[in-house]
């Protein structure tokens, strides 16, 4: 998998999701044309809140949402790292 280097973050695995289907908002939980909302393969509806920043994924602590652009992007932290919303970085899950 390709890696992405972001200014204030560690190396991140690029795992972008496809845009939500706009044909049925009742199936996806997303409004038609809402580029800040998507449904993942497992059926999880992922939406950006009103703030335009990096946000934690609703189900997976290793993943986070990039809500800074015009379309939601979902990224995964490298193995053994989790996303910490307080400082918007991937950090070690535990400290020995």
PDB file of N, CA and C in Angstrom:
ATOM      1  N   UNK A   1       0.831  -1.184   0.000  1.00  0.00           N
ATOM      2  CA  UNK A   1       0.000   0.000   0.000  1.00  0.00           C
ATOM      3  C   UNK A   1       0.874   1.246   0.000  1.00  0.00           C
ATOM      4  N   UNK A   2       0.500   2.247  -0.746  1.00  0.00           N
ATOM      5  CA  UNK A   2       1.296   3.477  -0.759  1.00  0.00           C
ATOM      6  C   UNK A   2       1.180   4.215   0.568  1.00  0.00           C
ATOM      7  N   UNK A   3       2.223   4.950   0.888  1.00  0.00           N
ATOM      8  CA  UNK A   3       2.211   5.759   2.114  1.00  0.00           C
ATOM      9  C   UNK A   3       2.076   7.224   1.738  1.00  0.00           C
ATOM     10  N   UNK A   4       1.548   7.985   2.662  1.00  0.00           N
ATOM     11  CA  UNK A   4       1.336   9.407   2.459  1.00  0.00           C
ATOM     12  C   UNK A   4       1.996  10.133   3.609  1.00  0.00           C
ATOM     13  N   UNK A   5       2.820  11.107   3.314  1.00  0.00           N
ATOM     14  CA  UNK A   5       3.457  11.899   4.352  1.00  0.00           C
ATOM     15  C   UNK A   5       2.722  13.222   4.446  1.00  0.00           C
ATOM     16  N   UNK A   6       2.169  13.500   5.608  1.00  0.00           N
ATOM     17  CA  UNK A   6       1.422  14.725   5.839  1.00  0.00           C
ATOM     18  C   UNK A   6       2.241  15.563   6.805  1.00  0.00           C
ATOM     19  N   UNK A   7       2.305  16.868   6.591  1.00  0.00           N
ATOM     20  CA  UNK A   7       3.155  17.765   7.362  1.00  0.00           C
ATOM     21  C   UNK A   7       3.268  17.418   8.841  1.00  0.00           C
ATOM     22  N   UNK A   8       2.169  17.446   9.571  1.00  0.00           N
ATOM     23  CA  UNK A   8       2.260  17.307  11.016  1.00  0.00           C
ATOM     24  C   UNK A   8       1.915  15.905  11.503  1.00  0.00           C
ATOM     25  N   UNK A   9       1.986  14.912  10.628  1.00  0.00           N
ATOM     26  CA  UNK A   9       1.624  13.562  11.010  1.00  0.00           C
ATOM     27  C   UNK A   9       2.740  12.582  10.681  1.00  0.00           C
ATOM     28  N   UNK A  10       2.628  11.377  11.204  1.00  0.00           N
ATOM     29  CA  UNK A  10       3.529  10.313  10.849  1.00  0.00           C
ATOM     30  C   UNK A  10       3.139   9.798   9.460  1.00  0.00           C
ATOM     31  N   UNK A  11       3.785   8.711   9.030  1.00  0.00           N
ATOM     32  CA  UNK A  11       3.406   8.096   7.773  1.00  0.00           C
ATOM     33  C   UNK A  11       2.030   7.476   7.928  1.00  0.00           C
ATOM     34  N   UNK A  12       1.168   7.686   6.962  1.00  0.00           N
ATOM     35  CA  UNK A  12      -0.200   7.193   7.011  1.00  0.00           C
ATOM     36  C   UNK A  12      -0.479   6.348   5.784  1.00  0.00           C
ATOM     37  N   UNK A  13      -1.213   5.269   5.970  1.00  0.00           N
ATOM     38  CA  UNK A  13      -1.613   4.447   4.847  1.00  0.00           C
ATOM     39  C   UNK A  13      -2.787   5.112   4.150  1.00  0.00           C
ATOM     40  N   UNK A  14      -2.699   5.271   2.865  1.00  0.00           N
ATOM     41  CA  UNK A  14      -3.757   5.932   2.103  1.00  0.00           C
ATOM     42  C   UNK A  14      -4.862   4.928   1.813  1.00  0.00           C
ATOM     43  N   UNK A  15      -6.007   5.083   2.482  1.00  0.00           N
ATOM     44  CA  UNK A  15      -7.142   4.188   2.309  1.00  0.00           C
ATOM     45  C   UNK A  15      -8.374   5.018   2.036  1.00  0.00           C
ATOM     46  N   UNK A  16      -8.436   5.635   0.885  1.00  0.00           N
ATOM     47  CA  UNK A  16      -9.547   6.528   0.568  1.00  0.00           C
ATOM     48  C   UNK A  16     -10.794   5.726   0.243  1.00  0.00           C
ATOM     49  N   UNK A  17     -11.919   6.235   0.675  1.00  0.00           N
ATOM     50  CA  UNK A  17     -13.185   5.561   0.398  1.00  0.00           C
ATOM     51  C   UNK A  17     -13.842   6.189  -0.805  1.00  0.00           C
ATOM     52  N   UNK A  18     -14.765   5.461  -1.376  1.00  0.00           N
ATOM     53  CA  UNK A  18     -15.497   6.009  -2.506  1.00  0.00           C
ATOM     54  C   UNK A  18     -16.603   6.922  -1.994  1.00  0.00           C
ATOM     55  N   UNK A  19     -17.042   7.812  -2.850  1.00  0.00           N
ATOM     56  CA  UNK A  19     -18.105   8.746  -2.484  1.00  0.00           C
ATOM     57  C   UNK A  19     -19.410   7.986  -2.283  1.00  0.00           C
ATOM     58  N   UNK A  20     -20.228   8.450  -1.383  1.00  0.00           N
ATOM     59  CA  UNK A  20     -21.499   7.792  -1.091  1.00  0.00           C
ATOM     60  C   UNK A  20     -22.419   7.828  -2.302  1.00  0.00           C
ATOM     61  N   UNK A  21     -23.201   6.800  -2.440  1.00  0.00           N
ATOM     62  CA  UNK A  21     -24.181   6.750  -3.517  1.00  0.00           C
ATOM     63  C   UNK A  21     -25.271   7.776  -3.231  1.00  0.00           C
ATOM     64  N   UNK A  22     -25.644   8.540  -4.241  1.00  0.00           N
ATOM     65  CA  UNK A  22     -26.636   9.592  -4.019  1.00  0.00           C
ATOM     66  C   UNK A  22     -28.043   9.158  -4.427  1.00  0.00           C
ATOM     67  N   UNK A  23     -28.221   7.869  -4.799  1.00  0.00           N
ATOM     68  CA  UNK A  23     -29.534   7.450  -5.262  1.00  0.00           C
ATOM     69  C   UNK A  23     -30.508   7.128  -4.150  1.00  0.00           C
ATOM     70  N   UNK A  24     -30.022   6.865  -2.933  1.00  0.00           N
ATOM     71  CA  UNK A  24     -30.948   6.522  -1.854  1.00  0.00           C
ATOM     72  C   UNK A  24     -30.379   6.935  -0.507  1.00  0.00           C
ATOM     73  N   UNK A  25     -30.804   8.090  -0.010  1.00  0.00           N
ATOM     74  CA  UNK A  25     -30.293   8.558   1.270  1.00  0.00           C
ATOM     75  C   UNK A  25     -30.791   7.701   2.414  1.00  0.00           C
ATOM     76  N   UNK A  26     -31.916   7.022   2.269  1.00  0.00           N
ATOM     77  CA  UNK A  26     -32.420   6.182   3.353  1.00  0.00           C
ATOM     78  C   UNK A  26     -31.555   4.951   3.547  1.00  0.00           C
ATOM     79  N   UNK A  27     -30.919   4.446   2.486  1.00  0.00           N
ATOM     80  CA  UNK A  27     -30.058   3.274   2.605  1.00  0.00           C
ATOM     81  C   UNK A  27     -28.706   3.643   3.192  1.00  0.00           C
ATOM     82  N   UNK A  28     -28.176   4.804   2.849  1.00  0.00           N
ATOM     83  CA  UNK A  28     -26.835   5.163   3.280  1.00  0.00           C
ATOM     84  C   UNK A  28     -26.813   6.041   4.519  1.00  0.00           C
ATOM     85  N   UNK A  29     -27.905   6.717   4.814  1.00  0.00           N
ATOM     86  CA  UNK A  29     -27.903   7.665   5.915  1.00  0.00           C
ATOM     87  C   UNK A  29     -27.300   8.993   5.515  1.00  0.00           C
ATOM     88  N   UNK A  30     -26.947   9.140   4.255  1.00  0.00           N
ATOM     89  CA  UNK A  30     -26.360  10.368   3.730  1.00  0.00           C
ATOM     90  C   UNK A  30     -27.358  11.049   2.800  1.00  0.00           C
ATOM     91  N   UNK A  31     -27.361  12.346   2.819  1.00  0.00           N
ATOM     92  CA  UNK A  31     -28.215  13.097   1.900  1.00  0.00           C
ATOM     93  C   UNK A  31     -27.606  13.077   0.504  1.00  0.00           C
ATOM     94  N   UNK A  32     -28.410  13.054  -0.534  1.00  0.00           N
ATOM     95  CA  UNK A  32     -27.881  13.092  -1.898  1.00  0.00           C
ATOM     96  C   UNK A  32     -26.995  14.319  -2.104  1.00  0.00           C
ATOM     97  N   UNK A  33     -25.848  14.111  -2.701  1.00  0.00           N
ATOM     98  CA  UNK A  33     -24.931  15.209  -2.975  1.00  0.00           C
ATOM     99  C   UNK A  33     -24.058  15.618  -1.803  1.00  0.00           C
ATOM    100  N   UNK A  34     -24.174  14.944  -0.646  1.00  0.00           N
ATOM    101  CA  UNK A  34     -23.361  15.288   0.535  1.00  0.00           C
ATOM    102  C   UNK A  34     -22.002  14.617   0.406  1.00  0.00           C
ATOM    103  N   UNK A  35     -21.007  15.377  -0.021  1.00  0.00           N
ATOM    104  CA  UNK A  35     -19.667  14.822  -0.223  1.00  0.00           C
ATOM    105  C   UNK A  35     -18.912  14.619   1.086  1.00  0.00           C
ATOM    106  N   UNK A  36     -19.485  15.062   2.206  1.00  0.00           N
ATOM    107  CA  UNK A  36     -18.846  14.877   3.514  1.00  0.00           C
ATOM    108  C   UNK A  36     -19.488  13.723   4.277  1.00  0.00           C
ATOM    109  N   UNK A  37     -20.085  12.797   3.541  1.00  0.00           N
ATOM    110  CA  UNK A  37     -20.748  11.639   4.120  1.00  0.00           C
ATOM    111  C   UNK A  37     -20.554  10.475   3.159  1.00  0.00           C
ATOM    112  N   UNK A  38     -20.250   9.302   3.686  1.00  0.00           N
ATOM    113  CA  UNK A  38     -20.076   8.119   2.849  1.00  0.00           C
ATOM    114  C   UNK A  38     -20.470   6.873   3.627  1.00  0.00           C
ATOM    115  N   UNK A  39     -20.756   5.801   2.917  1.00  0.00           N
ATOM    116  CA  UNK A  39     -21.027   4.526   3.562  1.00  0.00           C
ATOM    117  C   UNK A  39     -19.921   3.559   3.161  1.00  0.00           C
ATOM    118  N   UNK A  40     -19.306   2.943   4.161  1.00  0.00           N
ATOM    119  CA  UNK A  40     -18.223   2.013   3.904  1.00  0.00           C
ATOM    120  C   UNK A  40     -18.764   0.644   3.498  1.00  0.00           C
ATOM    121  N   UNK A  41     -17.872  -0.226   3.046  1.00  0.00           N
ATOM    122  CA  UNK A  41     -18.254  -1.557   2.580  1.00  0.00           C
ATOM    123  C   UNK A  41     -19.005  -2.361   3.630  1.00  0.00           C
ATOM    124  N   UNK A  42     -18.678  -2.166   4.913  1.00  0.00           N
ATOM    125  CA  UNK A  42     -19.340  -2.924   5.988  1.00  0.00           C
ATOM    126  C   UNK A  42     -20.669  -2.301   6.414  1.00  0.00           C
ATOM    127  N   UNK A  43     -21.067  -1.205   5.754  1.00  0.00           N
ATOM    128  CA  UNK A  43     -22.337  -0.561   6.062  1.00  0.00           C
ATOM    129  C   UNK A  43     -22.242   0.593   7.048  1.00  0.00           C
ATOM    130  N   UNK A  44     -21.052   0.864   7.568  1.00  0.00           N
ATOM    131  CA  UNK A  44     -20.854   1.973   8.497  1.00  0.00           C
ATOM    132  C   UNK A  44     -21.018   3.304   7.775  1.00  0.00           C
ATOM    133  N   UNK A  45     -21.905   4.147   8.299  1.00  0.00           N
ATOM    134  CA  UNK A  45     -22.076   5.493   7.745  1.00  0.00           C
ATOM    135  C   UNK A  45     -21.062   6.399   8.436  1.00  0.00           C
ATOM    136  N   UNK A  46     -20.266   7.073   7.636  1.00  0.00           N
ATOM    137  CA  UNK A  46     -19.221   7.952   8.155  1.00  0.00           C
ATOM    138  C   UNK A  46     -19.514   9.360   7.676  1.00  0.00           C
ATOM    139  N   UNK A  47     -19.652  10.289   8.634  1.00  0.00           N
ATOM    140  CA  UNK A  47     -19.957  11.690   8.308  1.00  0.00           C
ATOM    141  C   UNK A  47     -18.978  12.610   9.022  1.00  0.00           C
ATOM    142  N   UNK A  48     -18.646  13.700   8.360  1.00  0.00           N
ATOM    143  CA  UNK A  48     -17.864  14.750   9.012  1.00  0.00           C
ATOM    144  C   UNK A  48     -18.817  15.610   9.827  1.00  0.00           C
ATOM    145  N   UNK A  49     -18.350  16.023  11.002  1.00  0.00           N
ATOM    146  CA  UNK A  49     -19.142  16.979  11.771  1.00  0.00           C
ATOM    147  C   UNK A  49     -19.000  18.338  11.105  1.00  0.00           C
ATOM    148  N   UNK A  50     -19.559  19.351  11.684  1.00  0.00           N
ATOM    149  CA  UNK A  50     -19.529  20.676  11.070  1.00  0.00           C
ATOM    150  C   UNK A  50     -18.128  21.279  11.017  1.00  0.00           C
ATOM    151  N   UNK A  51     -17.220  20.812  11.885  1.00  0.00           N
ATOM    152  CA  UNK A  51     -15.874  21.385  11.876  1.00  0.00           C
ATOM    153  C   UNK A  51     -15.055  20.811  10.728  1.00  0.00           C
ATOM    154  N   UNK A  52     -14.220  21.649  10.158  1.00  0.00           N
ATOM    155  CA  UNK A  52     -13.390  21.258   9.023  1.00  0.00           C
ATOM    156  C   UNK A  52     -11.989  20.913   9.515  1.00  0.00           C
ATOM    157  N   UNK A  53     -11.829  19.688  10.028  1.00  0.00           N
ATOM    158  CA  UNK A  53     -10.519  19.262  10.505  1.00  0.00           C
ATOM    159  C   UNK A  53     -10.437  17.742  10.444  1.00  0.00           C
ATOM    160  N   UNK A  54      -9.427  17.172  11.101  1.00  0.00           N
ATOM    161  CA  UNK A  54      -9.281  15.727  11.197  1.00  0.00           C
ATOM    162  C   UNK A  54     -10.111  15.236  12.368  1.00  0.00           C
ATOM    163  N   UNK A  55     -10.864  14.156  12.141  1.00  0.00           N
ATOM    164  CA  UNK A  55     -11.781  13.644  13.158  1.00  0.00           C
ATOM    165  C   UNK A  55     -11.623  12.139  13.288  1.00  0.00           C
ATOM    166  N   UNK A  56     -11.868  11.584  14.467  1.00  0.00           N
ATOM    167  CA  UNK A  56     -11.744  10.133  14.629  1.00  0.00           C
ATOM    168  C   UNK A  56     -12.832   9.392  13.860  1.00  0.00           C
ATOM    169  N   UNK A  57     -12.504   8.200  13.428  1.00  0.00           N
ATOM    170  CA  UNK A  57     -13.476   7.323  12.763  1.00  0.00           C
ATOM    171  C   UNK A  57     -14.458   6.830  13.829  1.00  0.00           C
ATOM    172  N   UNK A  58     -15.741   6.680  13.500  1.00  0.00           N
ATOM    173  CA  UNK A  58     -16.727   6.297  14.515  1.00  0.00           C
ATOM    174  C   UNK A  58     -16.561   4.878  15.070  1.00  0.00           C
ATOM    175  N   UNK A  59     -15.892   3.973  14.336  1.00  0.00           N
ATOM    176  CA  UNK A  59     -15.786   2.587  14.790  1.00  0.00           C
ATOM    177  C   UNK A  59     -14.358   2.077  14.979  1.00  0.00           C
ATOM    178  N   UNK A  60     -13.386   2.682  14.327  1.00  0.00           N
ATOM    179  CA  UNK A  60     -12.026   2.145  14.307  1.00  0.00           C
ATOM    180  C   UNK A  60     -11.040   3.200  14.792  1.00  0.00           C
ATOM    181  N   UNK A  61     -10.403   2.935  15.928  1.00  0.00           N
ATOM    182  CA  UNK A  61      -9.483   3.932  16.505  1.00  0.00           C
ATOM    183  C   UNK A  61      -8.196   4.093  15.705  1.00  0.00           C
ATOM    184  N   UNK A  62      -7.916   3.204  14.780  1.00  0.00           N
ATOM    185  CA  UNK A  62      -6.741   3.357  13.915  1.00  0.00           C
ATOM    186  C   UNK A  62      -7.030   4.249  12.718  1.00  0.00           C
ATOM    187  N   UNK A  63      -8.295   4.548  12.463  1.00  0.00           N
ATOM    188  CA  UNK A  63      -8.662   5.320  11.283  1.00  0.00           C
ATOM    189  C   UNK A  63      -9.158   6.709  11.678  1.00  0.00           C
ATOM    190  N   UNK A  64      -9.062   7.643  10.712  1.00  0.00           N
ATOM    191  CA  UNK A  64      -9.562   8.991  10.962  1.00  0.00           C
ATOM    192  C   UNK A  64     -10.070   9.604   9.676  1.00  0.00           C
ATOM    193  N   UNK A  65     -10.909  10.613   9.828  1.00  0.00           N
ATOM    194  CA  UNK A  65     -11.531  11.300   8.703  1.00  0.00           C
ATOM    195  C   UNK A  65     -10.810  12.614   8.448  1.00  0.00           C
ATOM    196  N   UNK A  66     -10.528  12.880   7.196  1.00  0.00           N
ATOM    197  CA  UNK A  66      -9.984  14.179   6.807  1.00  0.00           C
ATOM    198  C   UNK A  66     -11.140  14.970   6.205  1.00  0.00           C
ATOM    199  N   UNK A  67     -11.610  15.957   6.946  1.00  0.00           N
ATOM    200  CA  UNK A  67     -12.772  16.755   6.543  1.00  0.00           C
ATOM    201  C   UNK A  67     -12.353  18.150   6.099  1.00  0.00           C
ATOM    202  N   UNK A  68     -11.094  18.310   5.712  1.00  0.00           N
ATOM    203  CA  UNK A  68     -10.578  19.635   5.376  1.00  0.00           C
ATOM    204  C   UNK A  68     -10.837  20.027   3.930  1.00  0.00           C
ATOM    205  N   UNK A  69     -11.092  19.080   3.059  1.00  0.00           N
ATOM    206  CA  UNK A  69     -11.302  19.379   1.645  1.00  0.00           C
ATOM    207  C   UNK A  69     -12.772  19.439   1.285  1.00  0.00           C
ATOM    208  N   UNK A  70     -13.044  19.246   0.006  1.00  0.00           N
ATOM    209  CA  UNK A  70     -14.428  19.294  -0.465  1.00  0.00           C
ATOM    210  C   UNK A  70     -15.090  17.925  -0.431  1.00  0.00           C
ATOM    211  N   UNK A  71     -14.319  16.874  -0.121  1.00  0.00           N
ATOM    212  CA  UNK A  71     -14.844  15.511  -0.066  1.00  0.00           C
ATOM    213  C   UNK A  71     -14.182  14.768   1.095  1.00  0.00           C
ATOM    214  N   UNK A  72     -14.954  13.976   1.818  1.00  0.00           N
ATOM    215  CA  UNK A  72     -14.417  13.217   2.946  1.00  0.00           C
ATOM    216  C   UNK A  72     -13.364  12.220   2.463  1.00  0.00           C
ATOM    217  N   UNK A  73     -12.267  12.130   3.188  1.00  0.00           N
ATOM    218  CA  UNK A  73     -11.217  11.144   2.936  1.00  0.00           C
ATOM    219  C   UNK A  73     -11.008  10.373   4.234  1.00  0.00           C
ATOM    220  N   UNK A  74     -10.770   9.075   4.124  1.00  0.00           N
ATOM    221  CA  UNK A  74     -10.559   8.250   5.314  1.00  0.00           C
ATOM    222  C   UNK A  74      -9.168   7.642   5.217  1.00  0.00           C
ATOM    223  N   UNK A  75      -8.385   7.777   6.302  1.00  0.00           N
ATOM    224  CA  UNK A  75      -7.023   7.273   6.352  1.00  0.00           C
ATOM    225  C   UNK A  75      -6.873   6.314   7.522  1.00  0.00           C
ATOM    226  N   UNK A  76      -5.865   5.448   7.418  1.00  0.00           N
ATOM    227  CA  UNK A  76      -5.564   4.479   8.466  1.00  0.00           C
ATOM    228  C   UNK A  76      -4.157   4.721   8.970  1.00  0.00           C
ATOM    229  N   UNK A  77      -3.993   4.756  10.287  1.00  0.00           N
ATOM    230  CA  UNK A  77      -2.665   4.874  10.879  1.00  0.00           C
ATOM    231  C   UNK A  77      -1.886   3.580  10.632  1.00  0.00           C
ATOM    232  N   UNK A  78      -0.563   3.638  10.628  1.00  0.00           N
ATOM    233  CA  UNK A  78       0.249   2.432  10.478  1.00  0.00           C
ATOM    234  C   UNK A  78      -0.010   1.449  11.617  1.00  0.00           C
ATOM    235  N   UNK A  79       0.406   0.187  11.461  1.00  0.00           N
ATOM    236  CA  UNK A  79       0.210  -0.820  12.513  1.00  0.00           C
ATOM    237  C   UNK A  79       0.752  -0.352  13.865  1.00  0.00           C
ATOM    238  N   UNK A  80       0.055  -0.721  14.924  1.00  0.00           N
ATOM    239  CA  UNK A  80       0.395  -0.394  16.327  1.00  0.00           C
ATOM    240  C   UNK A  80       0.224   1.075  16.683  1.00  0.00           C
ATOM    241  N   UNK A  81      -0.340   1.869  15.801  1.00  0.00           N
ATOM    242  CA  UNK A  81      -0.608   3.272  16.098  1.00  0.00           C
ATOM    243  C   UNK A  81      -2.112   3.517  16.042  1.00  0.00           C
ATOM    244  N   UNK A  82      -2.591   4.447  16.856  1.00  0.00           N
ATOM    245  CA  UNK A  82      -3.995   4.839  16.840  1.00  0.00           C
ATOM    246  C   UNK A  82      -4.087   6.353  16.663  1.00  0.00           C
ATOM    247  N   UNK A  83      -5.220   6.807  16.166  1.00  0.00           N
ATOM    248  CA  UNK A  83      -5.424   8.240  15.961  1.00  0.00           C
ATOM    249  C   UNK A  83      -5.852   8.876  17.269  1.00  0.00           C
ATOM    250  N   UNK A  84      -5.184   9.962  17.636  1.00  0.00           N
ATOM    251  CA  UNK A  84      -5.509  10.715  18.848  1.00  0.00           C
ATOM    252  C   UNK A  84      -6.089  12.066  18.433  1.00  0.00           C
ATOM    253  N   UNK A  85      -7.397  12.263  18.637  1.00  0.00           N
ATOM    254  CA  UNK A  85      -8.042  13.494  18.174  1.00  0.00           C
ATOM    255  C   UNK A  85      -7.583  14.753  18.899  1.00  0.00           C
ATOM    256  N   UNK A  86      -7.028  14.605  20.101  1.00  0.00           N
ATOM    257  CA  UNK A  86      -6.584  15.791  20.846  1.00  0.00           C
ATOM    258  C   UNK A  86      -5.448  16.526  20.149  1.00  0.00           C
ATOM    259  N   UNK A  87      -4.523  15.790  19.538  1.00  0.00           N
ATOM    260  CA  UNK A  87      -3.426  16.457  18.834  1.00  0.00           C
ATOM    261  C   UNK A  87      -3.380  16.106  17.348  1.00  0.00           C
ATOM    262  N   UNK A  88      -4.409  15.381  16.867  1.00  0.00           N
ATOM    263  CA  UNK A  88      -4.568  15.078  15.446  1.00  0.00           C
ATOM    264  C   UNK A  88      -3.395  14.309  14.854  1.00  0.00           C
ATOM    265  N   UNK A  89      -2.874  13.320  15.610  1.00  0.00           N
ATOM    266  CA  UNK A  89      -1.743  12.528  15.167  1.00  0.00           C
ATOM    267  C   UNK A  89      -1.978  11.044  15.435  1.00  0.00           C
ATOM    268  N   UNK A  90      -1.271  10.225  14.667  1.00  0.00           N
ATOM    269  CA  UNK A  90      -1.224   8.798  14.952  1.00  0.00           C
ATOM    270  C   UNK A  90      -0.129   8.581  15.984  1.00  0.00           C
ATOM    271  N   UNK A  91      -0.474   7.914  17.082  1.00  0.00           N
ATOM    272  CA  UNK A  91       0.507   7.675  18.149  1.00  0.00           C
ATOM    273  C   UNK A  91       0.491   6.200  18.519  1.00  0.00           C
ATOM    274  N   UNK A  92       1.526   5.762  19.241  1.00  0.00           N
ATOM    275  CA  UNK A  92       1.589   4.398  19.724  1.00  0.00           C
ATOM    276  C   UNK A  92       0.364   4.117  20.598  1.00  0.00           C
ATOM    277  N   UNK A  93      -0.165   2.891  20.479  1.00  0.00           N
ATOM    278  CA  UNK A  93      -1.331   2.504  21.252  1.00  0.00           C
ATOM    279  C   UNK A  93      -1.031   2.437  22.740  1.00  0.00           C
ATOM    280  N   UNK A  94       0.187   2.075  23.077  1.00  0.00           N
ATOM    281  CA  UNK A  94       0.569   1.933  24.489  1.00  0.00           C
ATOM    282  C   UNK A  94       2.016   2.331  24.661  1.00  0.00           C
ATOM    283  N   UNK A  95       2.354   2.667  25.856  1.00  0.00           N
ATOM    284  CA  UNK A  95       3.734   3.032  26.183  1.00  0.00           C
ATOM    285  C   UNK A  95       4.247   2.040  27.196  1.00  0.00           C
ATOM    286  N   UNK A  96       5.416   1.422  26.899  1.00  0.00           N
ATOM    287  CA  UNK A  96       6.001   0.449  27.829  1.00  0.00           C
ATOM    288  C   UNK A  96       6.841   1.127  28.883  1.00  0.00           C
TER     289      UNK A  96
END
